[in-house]
Structure formats: structure tokens, C-alpha cells
Protein backbone atom coordinates (compact mmCIF):
# COMPACT_ATOMS: atom_id res chain seq x y z
CA MET A 1 -4.94 0.24 -18.62
CA SER A 2 -7.25 -1.76 -20.89
CA THR A 3 -6.72 -5.29 -19.51
CA GLY A 4 -9.98 -7.19 -19.04
CA TYR A 5 -12.43 -4.49 -20.18
CA LYS A 6 -15.25 -5.62 -22.44
CA ASP A 7 -15.48 -2.17 -24.02
CA VAL A 8 -12.52 0.09 -24.80
CA ARG A 9 -14.70 3.07 -23.85
CA LEU A 10 -14.90 1.76 -20.29
CA ALA A 11 -11.11 1.47 -20.16
CA ARG A 12 -10.78 5.03 -21.44
CA ARG A 13 -13.27 6.28 -18.87
CA ALA A 14 -11.44 4.46 -16.08
CA ASN A 15 -8.22 6.18 -17.13
CA GLU A 16 -9.91 9.57 -17.17
CA LEU A 17 -11.45 9.13 -13.72
CA PHE A 18 -8.19 7.90 -12.25
CA ASP A 19 -6.25 10.86 -13.69
CA ARG A 20 -8.89 13.28 -12.44
CA ILE A 21 -8.77 11.84 -8.91
CA VAL A 22 -4.99 12.26 -8.85
CA ALA A 23 -5.20 15.75 -10.40
CA THR A 24 -7.92 17.11 -8.11
CA GLY A 25 -6.81 15.27 -4.99
CA SER A 26 -10.45 14.48 -4.36
CA VAL A 27 -13.11 11.78 -4.78
CA VAL A 28 -15.97 14.31 -4.88
CA LEU A 29 -17.63 13.46 -8.18
CA ARG A 30 -18.55 17.06 -9.03
CA ARG A 31 -14.87 18.03 -8.77
CA ILE A 32 -13.74 14.95 -10.68
CA GLY A 33 -16.31 15.47 -13.44
CA GLY A 34 -15.74 19.21 -13.74
CA ASP A 35 -19.44 19.97 -14.33
CA ARG A 36 -22.85 18.37 -13.88
CA GLY A 37 -22.48 16.28 -17.03
CA GLY A 38 -19.11 14.97 -15.93
CA GLU A 39 -20.49 14.18 -12.48
CA LEU A 40 -23.34 12.12 -13.95
CA ALA A 41 -20.92 10.32 -16.27
CA ALA A 42 -18.78 9.38 -13.26
CA HIS A 43 -21.86 8.04 -11.46
CA ARG A 44 -22.78 5.95 -14.52
CA PHE A 45 -19.28 4.48 -14.73
CA LEU A 46 -19.12 3.57 -11.04
CA SER A 47 -22.50 1.81 -11.22
CA HIS A 48 -21.86 0.08 -14.58
CA PRO A 49 -22.51 -3.69 -14.35
CA ASP A 50 -19.26 -4.49 -16.16
CA ILE A 51 -17.11 -2.54 -13.68
CA SER A 52 -15.90 -4.13 -10.45
CA PRO A 53 -13.11 -3.48 -7.92
CA GLU A 54 -11.42 -6.69 -9.08
CA LEU A 55 -11.29 -5.49 -12.70
CA LEU A 56 -10.01 -2.03 -11.79
CA LEU A 57 -7.35 -3.41 -9.45
CA GLU A 58 -6.21 -6.00 -12.00
CA THR A 59 -5.40 -3.24 -14.47
CA PHE A 60 -3.44 -1.23 -11.89
CA ALA A 61 -1.56 -4.39 -10.89
CA THR A 62 -0.35 -4.82 -14.48
CA ARG A 63 1.73 -1.64 -14.21
CA THR A 64 2.87 -2.52 -10.69
CA SER A 65 4.02 -5.93 -11.90
CA ALA A 66 6.15 -4.32 -14.61
CA ALA A 67 7.66 -1.88 -12.09
CA CYS A 68 8.58 -4.77 -9.76
CA ALA A 69 10.38 -6.86 -12.38
CA GLY A 70 13.93 -7.68 -11.30
CA ARG A 71 13.63 -5.90 -7.95
CA PHE A 72 13.73 -6.97 -4.32
CA VAL A 73 10.11 -6.18 -3.44
CA VAL A 74 8.52 -5.64 -0.04
CA ALA A 75 4.73 -6.07 -0.24
CA VAL A 76 3.01 -4.42 2.72
CA GLN A 77 -0.60 -5.23 3.55
CA ASP A 78 -2.97 -3.80 6.14
CA THR A 79 -6.62 -2.88 6.72
CA THR A 80 -8.24 0.53 6.96
CA GLU A 81 -11.84 1.35 7.83
CA ILE A 82 -14.02 3.75 5.83
CA ASN A 83 -16.44 4.98 8.48
CA PHE A 84 -19.44 7.15 7.59
CA ALA A 85 -20.24 8.24 11.14
CA GLY A 86 -22.43 11.35 10.85
CA ARG A 87 -22.58 10.85 7.08
CA ASP A 88 -24.45 7.57 6.84
CA ALA A 89 -27.88 8.90 5.85
CA ASP A 90 -29.21 7.07 2.78
CA ARG A 91 -26.11 4.87 2.49
CA ARG A 92 -27.11 1.53 1.02
CA ASP A 93 -25.67 -1.99 0.84
CA LEU A 94 -23.13 -1.36 3.59
CA GLY A 95 -22.53 -2.98 6.97
CA PRO A 96 -21.54 -1.88 10.46
CA ALA A 97 -18.21 -0.13 10.95
CA ALA A 98 -15.75 -1.35 13.55
CA GLY A 99 -17.60 0.31 16.44
CA GLY A 100 -20.94 -1.07 15.29
CA LYS A 101 -22.69 2.30 15.72
CA SER A 102 -22.39 3.58 12.14
CA THR A 103 -22.16 2.19 8.63
CA GLY A 104 -19.01 1.68 6.65
CA PHE A 105 -16.78 -0.78 4.88
CA PHE A 106 -13.18 -1.96 4.92
CA VAL A 107 -10.29 -1.78 2.47
CA HIS A 108 -7.34 -4.18 2.76
CA PRO A 109 -4.73 -3.37 0.08
CA VAL A 110 -1.26 -4.72 -0.54
CA ILE A 111 1.28 -2.11 -1.72
CA ALA A 112 4.56 -2.99 -3.44
CA LEU A 113 7.74 -1.17 -2.36
CA ASP A 114 11.32 -1.23 -3.56
CA GLN A 115 13.28 -2.73 -0.65
CA SER A 116 16.45 -0.68 -1.16
CA SER A 117 14.82 2.75 -1.46
CA GLY A 118 11.46 2.20 0.24
CA SER A 119 9.73 3.89 -2.70
CA VAL A 120 6.16 2.96 -3.60
CA LEU A 121 5.93 0.89 -6.80
CA GLY A 122 2.14 0.60 -6.87
CA VAL A 123 -0.92 -1.33 -5.74
CA VAL A 124 -0.85 -5.11 -6.17
CA ASP A 125 -4.40 -5.90 -5.06
CA ALA A 126 -7.02 -5.03 -2.46
CA HIS A 127 -9.90 -6.74 -0.71
CA ILE A 128 -12.94 -4.48 -0.17
CA TRP A 129 -15.84 -5.73 1.93
CA THR A 130 -18.56 -5.09 4.50
CA ARG A 131 -19.19 -7.00 7.69
CA PRO A 132 -22.52 -8.73 8.36
CA ALA A 133 -24.74 -7.35 11.10
CA ARG A 134 -24.13 -10.53 13.07
CA THR A 135 -20.78 -12.29 13.07
CA PRO A 136 -20.79 -16.09 13.50
CA ASN A 137 -18.49 -17.78 15.99
CA ARG A 138 -15.31 -17.25 14.01
CA ARG A 139 -13.29 -19.74 16.04
CA ARG A 140 -15.42 -22.57 14.66
CA LEU A 141 -15.01 -21.51 11.04
CA PRO A 142 -12.31 -22.93 8.75
CA TYR A 143 -9.70 -20.34 7.87
CA GLU A 144 -10.88 -19.80 4.28
CA GLU A 145 -14.29 -18.67 5.60
CA LYS A 146 -12.90 -16.20 8.11
CA GLU A 147 -12.51 -12.49 7.48
CA SER A 148 -8.81 -12.90 8.27
CA ALA A 149 -8.38 -15.05 5.15
CA ARG A 150 -7.75 -11.75 3.33
CA TRP A 151 -4.13 -11.85 4.56
CA LEU A 152 -3.55 -15.10 2.66
CA THR A 153 -5.53 -13.96 -0.39
CA MET A 154 -3.33 -10.88 -0.76
CA ALA A 155 -0.15 -12.96 -0.33
CA GLU A 156 -1.39 -15.24 -3.11
CA SER A 157 -2.00 -12.18 -5.32
CA CYS A 158 1.61 -11.11 -4.72
CA ALA A 159 2.88 -14.53 -5.77
CA ALA A 160 0.78 -14.48 -8.94
CA ARG A 161 1.21 -10.86 -10.00
CA LEU A 162 4.80 -10.13 -8.96
CA SER A 163 6.44 -13.29 -10.27
CA GLY A 164 9.03 -11.22 -12.15
CA ALA A 165 10.48 -9.79 -8.94
CA ARG A 166 13.84 -11.10 -7.68
CA ARG A 167 12.34 -11.66 -4.24
CA ILE A 168 8.97 -10.92 -2.61
CA VAL A 169 8.65 -10.38 1.13
CA VAL A 170 5.09 -9.86 2.39
CA VAL A 171 4.90 -7.74 5.56
CA GLY A 172 2.05 -7.56 8.05
CA ASP A 173 1.43 -6.18 11.50
CA ARG A 174 0.23 -8.11 14.56
CA GLU A 175 -3.23 -8.84 13.15
CA SER A 176 -1.64 -11.10 10.54
CA ASP A 177 0.02 -13.38 13.12
CA ILE A 178 -2.06 -16.39 11.99
CA HIS A 179 -0.75 -19.95 11.89
CA ALA A 180 -2.71 -20.79 8.72
CA LEU A 181 -1.08 -17.85 6.91
CA PHE A 182 2.37 -19.34 7.47
CA ALA A 183 1.21 -22.92 6.90
CA ARG A 184 -0.37 -22.03 3.53
CA ARG A 185 2.24 -19.49 2.41
CA PRO A 186 2.35 -19.49 -1.40
CA ASP A 187 5.52 -20.55 -3.20
CA GLY A 188 7.88 -17.71 -4.05
CA VAL A 189 6.80 -15.49 -1.14
CA GLU A 190 8.70 -14.83 2.10
CA MET A 191 7.07 -13.24 5.14
CA VAL A 192 7.86 -10.85 7.98
CA VAL A 193 5.04 -10.54 10.54
CA ARG A 194 5.01 -8.90 13.95
CA SER A 195 4.09 -11.49 16.58
CA ARG A 196 0.87 -11.06 18.50
CA HIS A 197 0.71 -14.39 20.32
CA ASP A 198 3.29 -16.01 22.56
CA ARG A 199 2.91 -19.29 20.69
CA GLN A 200 4.06 -22.74 21.69
CA VAL A 201 7.10 -24.10 19.87
CA ARG A 202 8.47 -27.59 19.57
CA GLY A 203 10.41 -28.48 22.70
CA GLY A 204 7.78 -27.37 25.22
CA LEU A 205 8.70 -23.67 25.22
CA ARG A 206 6.90 -20.46 24.31
CA LEU A 207 8.29 -18.02 21.76
CA SER A 208 9.34 -15.61 24.51
CA GLU A 209 11.22 -18.35 26.35
CA ALA A 210 12.95 -19.64 23.22
CA VAL A 211 14.25 -16.21 22.24
CA ALA A 212 15.20 -15.20 25.79
CA ALA A 213 17.52 -18.21 25.96
CA GLN A 214 19.61 -16.84 23.07
CA ALA A 215 22.70 -14.68 23.41
CA PRO A 216 22.30 -11.24 21.76
CA LEU A 217 23.39 -11.00 18.13
CA GLY A 218 24.20 -7.35 18.68
CA ARG A 219 22.84 -3.87 19.26
CA MET A 220 21.44 -1.27 16.88
CA GLU A 221 19.56 2.02 16.79
CA VAL A 222 15.92 2.26 15.71
CA ALA A 223 14.39 5.64 14.90
CA ILE A 224 10.89 6.06 16.40
CA ALA A 225 8.71 8.58 14.59
CA ALA A 226 6.73 11.24 16.41
CA ARG A 227 3.03 10.70 17.00
CA PRO A 228 0.39 12.66 18.92
CA GLY A 229 1.53 12.60 22.52
CA ARG A 230 4.88 11.03 21.63
CA LYS A 231 8.11 12.73 20.62
CA ALA A 232 10.44 11.36 17.96
CA ARG A 233 13.47 9.61 19.40
CA VAL A 234 16.11 6.99 18.71
CA ALA A 235 15.87 3.71 20.64
CA GLN A 236 18.95 1.66 21.53
CA VAL A 237 17.84 -1.95 21.12
CA VAL A 238 19.22 -5.45 21.69
CA VAL A 239 18.63 -7.99 18.92
CA ARG A 240 18.27 -11.76 19.36
CA ALA A 241 17.22 -14.42 16.86
CA VAL A 242 16.39 -18.11 16.93
CA ARG A 243 14.97 -20.68 14.51
CA VAL A 244 11.91 -22.44 15.94
CA GLU A 245 9.09 -24.75 14.90
CA VAL A 246 5.81 -23.07 15.79
CA LEU A 247 3.03 -25.50 16.67
CA ARG A 248 -0.49 -25.31 15.27
CA PRO A 249 -2.86 -23.96 17.97
CA ALA A 250 -4.65 -26.75 19.83
CA GLU A 251 -8.06 -25.12 19.24
CA SER A 252 -7.58 -24.79 15.46
CA VAL A 253 -10.23 -26.44 13.29
CA ASP A 254 -7.84 -26.40 10.29
CA VAL A 255 -6.53 -29.89 11.01
CA ASP A 256 -5.21 -30.29 7.45
CA ASP A 257 -2.66 -27.51 7.99
CA ALA A 258 0.90 -28.49 8.87
CA PRO A 259 1.14 -29.29 12.61
CA CYS A 260 4.22 -27.07 12.87
CA VAL A 261 5.89 -24.39 10.76
CA ALA A 262 9.61 -23.53 10.79
CA LEU A 263 10.13 -19.79 11.38
CA THR A 264 12.84 -17.45 12.59
CA VAL A 265 12.08 -15.17 15.53
CA VAL A 266 13.89 -11.81 15.51
CA ASP A 267 13.43 -10.13 18.88
CA VAL A 268 14.11 -6.40 19.07
CA VAL A 269 13.86 -4.95 22.58
CA GLU A 270 14.76 -1.64 24.19
CA GLU A 271 16.10 -2.49 27.64
CA ALA A 272 16.49 1.07 28.94
CA ALA A 273 13.73 3.35 27.62
CA PRO A 274 13.74 7.03 28.67
CA CYS A 275 11.59 7.98 31.64
CA GLY A 276 7.94 8.20 30.61
CA ALA A 277 8.48 6.50 27.24
CA LYS A 278 7.13 3.08 26.33
CA ALA A 279 9.96 0.66 25.61
CA LEU A 280 10.17 -0.56 22.02
CA HIS A 281 9.64 -4.31 21.64
CA TRP A 282 9.15 -6.00 18.27
CA ARG A 283 9.03 -9.77 18.08
CA LEU A 284 9.16 -10.50 14.36
CA LEU A 285 8.32 -13.87 12.80
CA THR A 286 9.91 -14.48 9.41
CA THR A 287 10.41 -17.27 6.92
CA LEU A 288 13.84 -15.80 6.11
CA GLU A 289 16.98 -17.36 7.53
CA VAL A 290 18.77 -15.15 10.07
CA ALA A 291 22.27 -16.38 10.81
CA ASP A 292 23.93 -13.15 11.91
CA MET A 293 23.39 -9.52 12.86
CA ALA A 294 23.42 -8.33 9.24
CA ALA A 295 20.50 -10.63 8.38
CA ALA A 296 18.65 -9.49 11.51
CA ARG A 297 19.14 -5.84 10.51
CA GLU A 298 17.64 -6.62 7.12
CA VAL A 299 14.53 -8.17 8.69
CA VAL A 300 14.08 -5.11 10.94
CA ALA A 301 14.56 -2.78 7.97
CA ILE A 302 11.96 -4.71 5.96
CA TYR A 303 9.43 -4.52 8.80
CA ARG A 304 10.00 -0.78 9.24
CA LEU A 305 8.84 -0.21 5.65
CA ARG A 306 5.34 -0.99 6.89
CA TRP A 307 4.86 2.72 7.66
CA ARG A 308 4.54 3.45 3.94
CA ILE A 309 1.09 1.88 3.75
CA GLU A 310 0.03 4.16 6.62
CA GLU A 311 1.11 7.08 4.44
CA VAL A 312 -1.06 5.79 1.59
CA PHE A 313 -3.98 5.47 4.02
CA ARG A 314 -3.54 9.09 5.13
CA VAL A 315 -3.74 10.24 1.50
CA LEU A 316 -6.79 8.00 0.96
CA LYS A 317 -8.65 9.47 3.93
CA ARG A 318 -8.69 12.69 5.95
CA GLN A 319 -5.35 14.18 4.86
CA GLY A 320 -5.93 13.71 1.14
CA LEU A 321 -8.73 12.29 -0.99
CA ASP A 322 -11.19 12.08 1.94
CA LEU A 323 -12.93 8.91 0.78
CA PRO A 324 -15.19 8.92 3.89
CA GLY A 325 -16.50 12.31 2.69
CA THR A 326 -17.73 11.10 -0.69
CA GLN A 327 -21.37 11.68 -1.58
CA VAL A 328 -21.65 8.30 -3.35
CA ARG A 329 -24.34 6.29 -1.55
CA ARG A 330 -24.55 2.78 -3.01
CA GLY A 331 -22.18 0.09 -1.80
CA GLU A 332 -21.36 -1.23 -5.28
CA SER A 333 -20.37 2.22 -6.54
CA LEU A 334 -18.49 2.98 -3.33
CA PHE A 335 -16.38 -0.15 -3.72
CA ASN A 336 -15.47 0.78 -7.31
CA LEU A 337 -14.59 4.30 -6.18
CA ALA A 338 -12.48 2.87 -3.34
CA ALA A 339 -10.50 0.75 -5.83
CA LEU A 340 -9.75 3.83 -7.93
CA ALA A 341 -8.97 5.87 -4.82
CA ILE A 342 -6.46 3.44 -3.27
CA ALA A 343 -4.55 3.31 -6.56
CA ALA A 344 -4.71 7.12 -6.84
CA ALA A 345 -3.43 7.51 -3.27
CA ALA A 346 -0.45 5.29 -4.12
CA ARG A 347 0.19 7.35 -7.28
CA ILE A 348 0.12 10.62 -5.33
CA VAL A 349 2.65 9.22 -2.85
CA GLN A 350 4.83 8.15 -5.81
CA LEU A 351 4.79 11.64 -7.30
CA VAL A 352 5.55 13.31 -3.97
CA ASP A 353 8.41 10.82 -3.45
CA ALA A 354 9.88 11.79 -6.80
CA ARG A 355 9.87 15.55 -6.21
CA ASP A 356 13.48 15.58 -5.05
CA SER A 357 15.15 12.69 -6.86
CA SER A 358 14.42 9.20 -8.09
CA GLU A 359 16.30 6.81 -10.35
CA ARG A 360 13.13 4.83 -11.03
CA PRO A 361 11.78 4.96 -14.58
CA ALA A 362 8.88 7.24 -15.50
CA THR A 363 7.18 4.16 -16.96
CA ASP A 364 6.31 3.19 -13.38
CA VAL A 365 3.45 5.70 -13.70
CA LEU A 366 3.19 6.52 -17.42
CA ASP A 367 2.99 4.48 -20.63
CA GLU A 368 6.28 4.31 -22.56
CA GLU A 369 4.80 5.63 -25.82
CA LEU A 370 3.99 8.94 -24.07
CA LEU A 371 7.59 9.66 -23.03
CA PRO A 372 8.59 11.44 -26.30
CA LEU A 373 5.64 13.81 -25.81
CA VAL A 374 6.71 14.47 -22.21
CA ALA A 375 10.26 15.15 -23.43
CA ARG A 376 8.97 17.89 -25.76
CA ILE A 377 6.88 19.36 -22.94
CA SER A 378 9.94 19.30 -20.66
CA GLN A 379 12.02 21.21 -23.20
CA SER A 380 9.30 23.84 -23.55
CA LEU A 381 9.31 24.42 -19.78
CA GLU A 382 13.07 24.84 -19.42
CA GLY A 383 14.71 28.25 -19.19
CA LYS A 384 18.08 29.47 -20.46
CA THR A 385 20.07 29.02 -17.25
CA GLN A 386 21.26 25.66 -15.94
CA ARG A 387 19.11 26.02 -12.84
CA GLN A 388 16.01 26.42 -15.01
CA LYS A 389 16.61 23.14 -16.84
CA ASN A 390 15.29 19.72 -15.87
CA PRO A 391 18.23 18.35 -13.84
CA HIS A 392 17.14 14.70 -13.83
CA PRO A 393 17.99 11.88 -16.26
CA PRO A 394 15.47 11.83 -19.15
CA GLY A 395 12.94 9.06 -18.72
CA SER A 396 13.35 8.85 -14.94
CA LEU A 397 10.49 9.30 -12.49
CA ALA A 398 12.23 12.37 -11.03
CA TRP A 399 12.44 13.85 -14.57
CA LEU A 400 8.68 13.33 -14.97
CA ALA A 401 7.99 14.77 -11.50
CA TRP A 402 9.93 17.94 -12.46
CA VAL A 403 7.65 18.37 -15.48
CA VAL A 404 4.55 17.78 -13.36
CA ALA A 405 5.74 20.30 -10.76
CA ARG A 406 6.49 22.97 -13.38
CA LEU A 407 3.08 22.50 -14.99
CA GLY A 408 1.55 22.88 -11.53
CA GLY A 409 3.08 26.33 -11.12
CA TRP A 410 6.24 25.51 -9.18
CA ASN A 411 9.06 28.03 -9.51
CA CYS A 412 12.44 26.27 -9.25
CA TYR A 413 13.88 29.23 -7.30
CA TYR A 414 11.55 28.63 -4.36
CA LYS A 415 10.71 25.83 -1.95
CA PRO A 416 10.01 22.28 -3.23
CA PRO A 417 6.55 21.75 -4.73
CA GLY A 418 3.82 20.46 -2.46
CA PRO A 419 1.08 17.88 -3.09
CA LYS A 420 -1.37 20.51 -4.44
CA THR A 421 1.19 21.68 -6.98
CA MET A 422 1.87 18.10 -8.05
CA ALA A 423 -1.85 17.38 -8.38
CA GLU A 424 -2.45 20.47 -10.54
CA GLY A 425 0.60 19.60 -12.65
CA TRP A 426 -0.64 16.07 -13.22
CA LYS A 427 -3.99 17.51 -14.33
CA GLN A 428 -2.26 19.79 -16.84
CA LEU A 429 0.00 17.02 -18.13
CA ALA A 430 -2.92 14.62 -18.61
CA ALA A 431 -4.78 17.29 -20.63
CA MET A 432 -1.74 18.06 -22.80
CA LEU A 433 -1.03 14.40 -23.50
CA ALA A 434 -4.68 13.74 -24.35
CA GLY A 435 -4.67 16.66 -26.79
CA ALA A 436 -1.44 15.50 -28.40
CA MET A 437 -2.80 11.97 -28.87
CA LEU A 438 -5.93 13.33 -30.56
CA LEU A 439 -3.81 15.31 -33.03
CA ALA A 440 -1.50 12.38 -33.78
């Protein structure tokens, strides 16, 4: 990933750090560096004046763009907080976290997914920032000066960086229900957003009234995942849809935005929830046309892929890399580390996805010129029996994941390899490929 680097040595070092984060499953610089010298080298890289989150993310986006070419892509965006509560001593150049009682910063990435399989294709971009100690009256600010402008910025990145995709649908949760986001939607990008506001629509109605007046398109089942205090279950829902023109809020200062935006509302409601369970109700706003139940099902399926970014966040934080636990103190270095970490979290999810099977190409995560070397490594790891051979199509991501798992110590006669096995395997593969390239 050498795009944009002024010095090829910086590009090489970025590659090494990224591979080490994936291999160790950590952002602790001593673990990444391997020894004191490696730790200091990592510190120097993260604080280098020519390194920025924008540069690092641009290089990761190059591979993501190639993986998205010709696909129906769902681009999911959301915000996560990196909170240093109890660990904020000597932290510099940061701002208040969401609660205002500790320091921290925020990461807002957009992750590309394959619509048909739901598999992670990579990071498209991310906005990393701190909040000021005092927030101005945001309602009086034009949209481009608000913190929420990040939703539009990431949609614009999708339009620019994923232009080779067959279709791009940007997905956001309720926080992204912003009139300016729809009014300024970039060309080539569709949207599916969960409604937060019961907005006024042309004709004197509210969204809820407009959709309630429609006959049901049909019924469907929606699986609800388990969470703390909530059991997994399947909800029986009624689906309605209507095309409306949503009016610009009367209090908006963005008077140059379109006074109304044509959207489709897909209303998904559970009318008879089990006793003690909260009824499911999603009111989805989309730029897509929904003429029948099949189209409504597609919109619901697209929105449900939003959970994949939550999985990336879990790997980024407590259940994986533990970015809030890093010993890096300076804001500038932290932001660079966060850019590497969000891309590494997406890569780890990709490798875990591919443990069982994947028809995606290995070039989604590895340069094409390295595939012949991986093929030789794969052959050396295979046994004599059919069960001991790599069962996946050569050059596929599943084929690569088998090699990574075997290098990590996985025995094909036992249970599927876990994340630690995959991380160790990636570490071994990176070392073997580096050695082979030096001998070439």
C-alpha cells in the first residue's frame, strides 16, 4: 500500500505495523514492535509529520475499491467512542468523551460489504476527531460546520472511491436521519437510514400518518439477535411502504437545500410481541424505489447488514485490539494508530469470515504477486489424505484462510480455528512472504 507516501520506507513501515497489529491482535506497541527497538520505531512512525489518518486510510481504500468493483455494495457507517476513563493521565491533545467526565476521541468509519453475502470487503474511509470543551449552539450552524456533517463526508468518500461498484447503498442508523444528508446525497449513491424524526411530508401529514394509511405489502420474519438481558427470537412483522416528499425542517438554517426530498418509507412493525419483549419497529427511509414486497424485503435485508460494523467495533475495542487500552498518549499519534486499528479490525473480521468458506478472491486482502508464494506454502502444509489438503479453490479467500489457519497451529481434525489461531497464522505468513521477497 504505497499510494501517496513521500518515502517508500514509510509505506513499508506502515505495511509492517498493519500486519503486526493483525498478527498480534493488539495495539500495544511493545507487542507490535517485538522488542524495545521495535516499540520505539512504532512510536516514531506514528508521530512522523508525513503520516496522517487520511493518508493511511487512502491506501487501505485502494484495496477496498478493487474488491468492490462490479459488486452490489452496502456501505455501513457509524460512530464509536474511544474513552480513556481511568486511563487518561498524561493524555494530550484530546477532548471530552461523550459523558464529559473523561478524555477521549471518536472514530466514524464507513465499511464496505458485499450485499449478497454480507462479507466485509474493507474500510472505505473514516473520520477521526475530538470534541471541543464547549460546543456552540449547533442548531444555528450550517450543516457543513456541524459534527454531523461526517455522515455526508463519508457518503461522498463512497461515491468517489467505490465508483467501480455496480451499486452503492450507504446505510446509517437513527443518528443519520438528517434532511441535509438526503438533500446533498452524492450522485451514484443510494441510502437506507432508520428514521429518528416523525417528519412532515408534503400533503400536511407526518411520516407515521402517511405510512399508516397504506395497506400492508405483506408479512415476513425478522431474526432478532440476543443481547444482554434479551433473548434471541424471531419477530413476525407487517411491512408497509409509501413514496413521500419529506419537507425541510422549518428551523433549518440551510435554506439553499432542496425544500423537499422524495424518499420511500418502509415501515416494519411487530404487532404482537411476546409478553415482556419490546416490539420491533423500524421505519426506514430510502432513496430506492419500493413497488412490491420483494423490494421491501431487500431494503430490510440491506439495513440488517448494519450489525457488521458493530462486529468491527467489538474487534477494535474491548473484545479484540483494545484501542482504549493503548499506552500512546499524544492525540496525533493516537489518531494514526486508530486509522491502522480500524483497518486491522476489518481485516481480522474478513479472515474469521473466511475460515469456513468464501468464494471471494484472496486479492481482497493480499497483493496478487504474492499468490504464487502462498500456493507453494499451501502445498507444503498439505498432508497425504484428502482431508489434509486445502479444500478451497486456489486463489480464493477461503483458500488463503486455510493456509493462515494451518500456519497458526490449527489441526484440520479438530474444531474450526479461532481468532487467536488466525492472528498467529497471519503473523507466520507475513514473515514467510517477507523472507521469500528478500531472497527473490
